[in-house]
C-alpha cells in the first residue's frame, strides 16, 4: 500500500467518523425532543440510524471513489 493510499484511507476513515457522529448527534437531538418516551425515542433512533447510515455510507463511498490523494 502506497503512502497516498494510506493517507486516503486514514482521511476517509476520519471523515466517515465525523459525518456519522454529527448525524447521530443531530438526529438524536431532534428525535428525543419530539418523542417524550425514552424507550420509544431510542427505538425510533435505532431504526433511523440503521437506514440512514447505510445511505450515508453509500454516498460517502461514492464521493471518495472519485477522490485521489
N, C-alpha and C. Protein backbone atom coordinates (compact mmCIF):
# COMPACT_ATOMS: atom_id res chain seq x y z
N UNK A 1 0.85 -1.17 0.00
CA UNK A 1 0.00 0.00 0.00
C UNK A 1 0.90 1.24 0.00
N UNK A 2 0.68 2.14 -0.94
CA UNK A 2 1.50 3.34 -1.03
C UNK A 2 1.11 4.34 0.05
N UNK A 3 1.99 5.34 0.25
CA UNK A 3 1.69 6.39 1.24
C UNK A 3 0.42 7.14 0.88
N UNK A 4 0.19 7.35 -0.45
CA UNK A 4 -1.01 8.05 -0.88
C UNK A 4 -2.27 7.27 -0.50
N UNK A 5 -2.26 5.96 -0.71
CA UNK A 5 -3.45 5.18 -0.39
C UNK A 5 -3.64 5.06 1.12
N UNK A 6 -2.55 5.04 1.89
CA UNK A 6 -2.67 5.05 3.35
C UNK A 6 -3.26 6.37 3.82
N UNK A 7 -2.78 7.46 3.25
CA UNK A 7 -3.30 8.78 3.61
C UNK A 7 -4.78 8.89 3.26
N UNK A 8 -5.15 8.37 2.09
CA UNK A 8 -6.55 8.40 1.68
C UNK A 8 -7.40 7.56 2.64
N UNK A 9 -6.93 6.40 3.00
CA UNK A 9 -7.68 5.53 3.91
C UNK A 9 -7.89 6.19 5.27
N UNK A 10 -6.84 6.81 5.78
CA UNK A 10 -6.96 7.47 7.08
C UNK A 10 -7.91 8.66 7.00
N UNK A 11 -7.76 9.49 5.96
CA UNK A 11 -8.62 10.65 5.78
C UNK A 11 -10.07 10.22 5.60
N UNK A 12 -10.28 9.19 4.80
CA UNK A 12 -11.62 8.67 4.55
C UNK A 12 -12.25 8.14 5.84
N UNK A 13 -11.49 7.43 6.63
CA UNK A 13 -11.96 6.89 7.90
C UNK A 13 -12.37 8.01 8.85
N UNK A 14 -11.52 9.01 8.96
CA UNK A 14 -11.81 10.14 9.85
C UNK A 14 -13.04 10.90 9.36
N UNK A 15 -13.13 11.12 8.05
CA UNK A 15 -14.29 11.86 7.53
C UNK A 15 -15.58 11.09 7.78
N UNK A 16 -15.54 9.77 7.63
CA UNK A 16 -16.74 8.97 7.89
C UNK A 16 -17.14 9.05 9.36
N UNK A 17 -16.16 8.97 10.25
CA UNK A 17 -16.45 9.03 11.68
C UNK A 17 -17.08 10.38 12.06
N UNK A 18 -16.56 11.46 11.48
CA UNK A 18 -17.12 12.80 11.74
C UNK A 18 -18.55 12.90 11.22
N UNK A 19 -18.76 12.46 9.99
CA UNK A 19 -20.11 12.51 9.40
C UNK A 19 -21.08 11.66 10.21
N UNK A 20 -20.67 10.45 10.52
CA UNK A 20 -21.54 9.55 11.29
C UNK A 20 -21.88 10.09 12.66
N UNK A 21 -20.89 10.62 13.34
CA UNK A 21 -21.12 11.17 14.68
C UNK A 21 -22.00 12.41 14.65
N UNK A 22 -21.73 13.31 13.69
CA UNK A 22 -22.56 14.50 13.58
C UNK A 22 -24.01 14.13 13.28
N UNK A 23 -24.21 13.18 12.39
CA UNK A 23 -25.56 12.76 12.07
C UNK A 23 -26.25 12.18 13.29
N UNK A 24 -25.55 11.37 14.05
CA UNK A 24 -26.12 10.78 15.26
C UNK A 24 -26.52 11.85 16.27
N UNK A 25 -25.64 12.81 16.50
CA UNK A 25 -25.94 13.87 17.47
C UNK A 25 -27.14 14.69 17.03
N UNK A 26 -27.16 15.10 15.77
CA UNK A 26 -28.24 15.94 15.26
C UNK A 26 -29.57 15.17 15.24
N UNK A 27 -29.55 13.98 14.67
CA UNK A 27 -30.81 13.23 14.56
C UNK A 27 -31.33 12.80 15.93
N UNK A 28 -30.45 12.41 16.84
CA UNK A 28 -30.93 12.02 18.18
C UNK A 28 -31.48 13.22 18.93
N UNK A 29 -30.88 14.38 18.77
CA UNK A 29 -31.41 15.59 19.41
C UNK A 29 -32.81 15.88 18.91
N UNK A 30 -33.01 15.78 17.62
CA UNK A 30 -34.33 16.04 17.04
C UNK A 30 -35.34 15.00 17.52
N UNK A 31 -34.98 13.73 17.42
CA UNK A 31 -35.90 12.66 17.80
C UNK A 31 -36.25 12.73 19.28
N UNK A 32 -35.25 12.91 20.14
CA UNK A 32 -35.52 12.95 21.57
C UNK A 32 -36.28 14.20 21.99
N UNK A 33 -36.22 15.27 21.19
CA UNK A 33 -37.00 16.46 21.52
C UNK A 33 -38.46 16.32 21.07
N UNK A 34 -38.71 15.45 20.10
CA UNK A 34 -40.07 15.25 19.60
C UNK A 34 -40.81 14.18 20.39
N UNK A 35 -40.11 13.10 20.74
CA UNK A 35 -40.74 11.95 21.40
C UNK A 35 -40.44 11.99 22.89
N UNK A 36 -41.49 11.94 23.71
CA UNK A 36 -41.33 12.05 25.17
C UNK A 36 -40.84 10.76 25.81
N UNK A 37 -41.24 9.64 25.31
CA UNK A 37 -40.86 8.36 25.90
C UNK A 37 -39.43 8.00 25.47
N UNK A 38 -38.58 7.80 26.45
CA UNK A 38 -37.18 7.48 26.14
C UNK A 38 -37.07 6.15 25.39
N UNK A 39 -37.84 5.16 25.81
CA UNK A 39 -37.74 3.86 25.14
C UNK A 39 -38.25 3.92 23.70
N UNK A 40 -39.31 4.67 23.46
CA UNK A 40 -39.82 4.83 22.10
C UNK A 40 -38.84 5.62 21.25
N UNK A 41 -38.30 6.69 21.82
CA UNK A 41 -37.32 7.51 21.11
C UNK A 41 -36.08 6.69 20.76
N UNK A 42 -35.65 5.85 21.69
CA UNK A 42 -34.48 5.00 21.43
C UNK A 42 -34.76 4.00 20.31
N UNK A 43 -35.96 3.45 20.29
CA UNK A 43 -36.34 2.52 19.22
C UNK A 43 -36.37 3.23 17.87
N UNK A 44 -36.98 4.40 17.83
CA UNK A 44 -37.02 5.19 16.59
C UNK A 44 -35.60 5.55 16.16
N UNK A 45 -34.78 5.96 17.11
CA UNK A 45 -33.39 6.33 16.80
C UNK A 45 -32.64 5.15 16.20
N UNK A 46 -32.84 3.98 16.74
CA UNK A 46 -32.20 2.78 16.20
C UNK A 46 -32.62 2.50 14.77
N UNK A 47 -33.90 2.67 14.48
CA UNK A 47 -34.39 2.44 13.12
C UNK A 47 -33.87 3.50 12.16
N UNK A 48 -33.89 4.75 12.60
CA UNK A 48 -33.38 5.85 11.76
C UNK A 48 -31.89 5.64 11.47
N UNK A 49 -31.14 5.30 12.50
CA UNK A 49 -29.70 5.07 12.34
C UNK A 49 -29.42 3.94 11.36
N UNK A 50 -30.15 2.85 11.50
CA UNK A 50 -29.92 1.68 10.65
C UNK A 50 -30.05 2.04 9.17
N UNK A 51 -31.14 2.68 8.83
CA UNK A 51 -31.41 3.00 7.43
C UNK A 51 -30.53 4.15 6.94
N UNK A 52 -30.46 5.21 7.72
CA UNK A 52 -29.74 6.40 7.27
C UNK A 52 -28.24 6.18 7.14
N UNK A 53 -27.65 5.40 8.03
CA UNK A 53 -26.22 5.18 7.95
C UNK A 53 -25.84 4.35 6.72
N UNK A 54 -26.71 3.46 6.29
CA UNK A 54 -26.47 2.72 5.05
C UNK A 54 -26.42 3.70 3.88
N UNK A 55 -27.40 4.60 3.84
CA UNK A 55 -27.47 5.58 2.75
C UNK A 55 -26.29 6.54 2.81
N UNK A 56 -26.00 7.05 4.00
CA UNK A 56 -24.87 7.98 4.15
C UNK A 56 -23.55 7.32 3.78
N UNK A 57 -23.37 6.07 4.20
CA UNK A 57 -22.11 5.38 3.89
C UNK A 57 -21.97 5.16 2.39
N UNK A 58 -23.05 4.82 1.73
CA UNK A 58 -23.02 4.63 0.28
C UNK A 58 -22.60 5.93 -0.41
N UNK A 59 -23.22 7.04 -0.01
CA UNK A 59 -22.87 8.34 -0.60
C UNK A 59 -21.41 8.68 -0.31
N UNK A 60 -20.99 8.45 0.92
CA UNK A 60 -19.60 8.71 1.32
C UNK A 60 -18.63 7.91 0.44
N UNK A 61 -18.92 6.64 0.23
CA UNK A 61 -18.06 5.79 -0.59
C UNK A 61 -18.03 6.25 -2.04
N UNK A 62 -19.19 6.64 -2.59
CA UNK A 62 -19.24 7.11 -3.97
C UNK A 62 -18.41 8.38 -4.15
N UNK A 63 -18.49 9.28 -3.19
CA UNK A 63 -17.70 10.51 -3.26
C UNK A 63 -16.22 10.18 -3.18
N UNK A 64 -15.83 9.33 -2.23
CA UNK A 64 -14.42 9.00 -2.07
C UNK A 64 -13.87 8.19 -3.25
N UNK A 65 -14.71 7.50 -3.99
CA UNK A 65 -14.22 6.75 -5.15
C UNK A 65 -13.73 7.69 -6.25
N UNK A 66 -14.16 8.95 -6.19
CA UNK A 66 -13.76 9.92 -7.20
C UNK A 66 -12.57 10.78 -6.74
N UNK A 67 -12.17 10.64 -5.47
CA UNK A 67 -11.10 11.48 -4.91
C UNK A 67 -9.77 10.75 -4.98
N UNK A 68 -8.77 11.43 -5.45
CA UNK A 68 -7.41 10.89 -5.44
C UNK A 68 -6.55 11.78 -4.55
N UNK A 69 -5.82 11.14 -3.67
CA UNK A 69 -4.91 11.88 -2.78
C UNK A 69 -3.50 11.38 -3.03
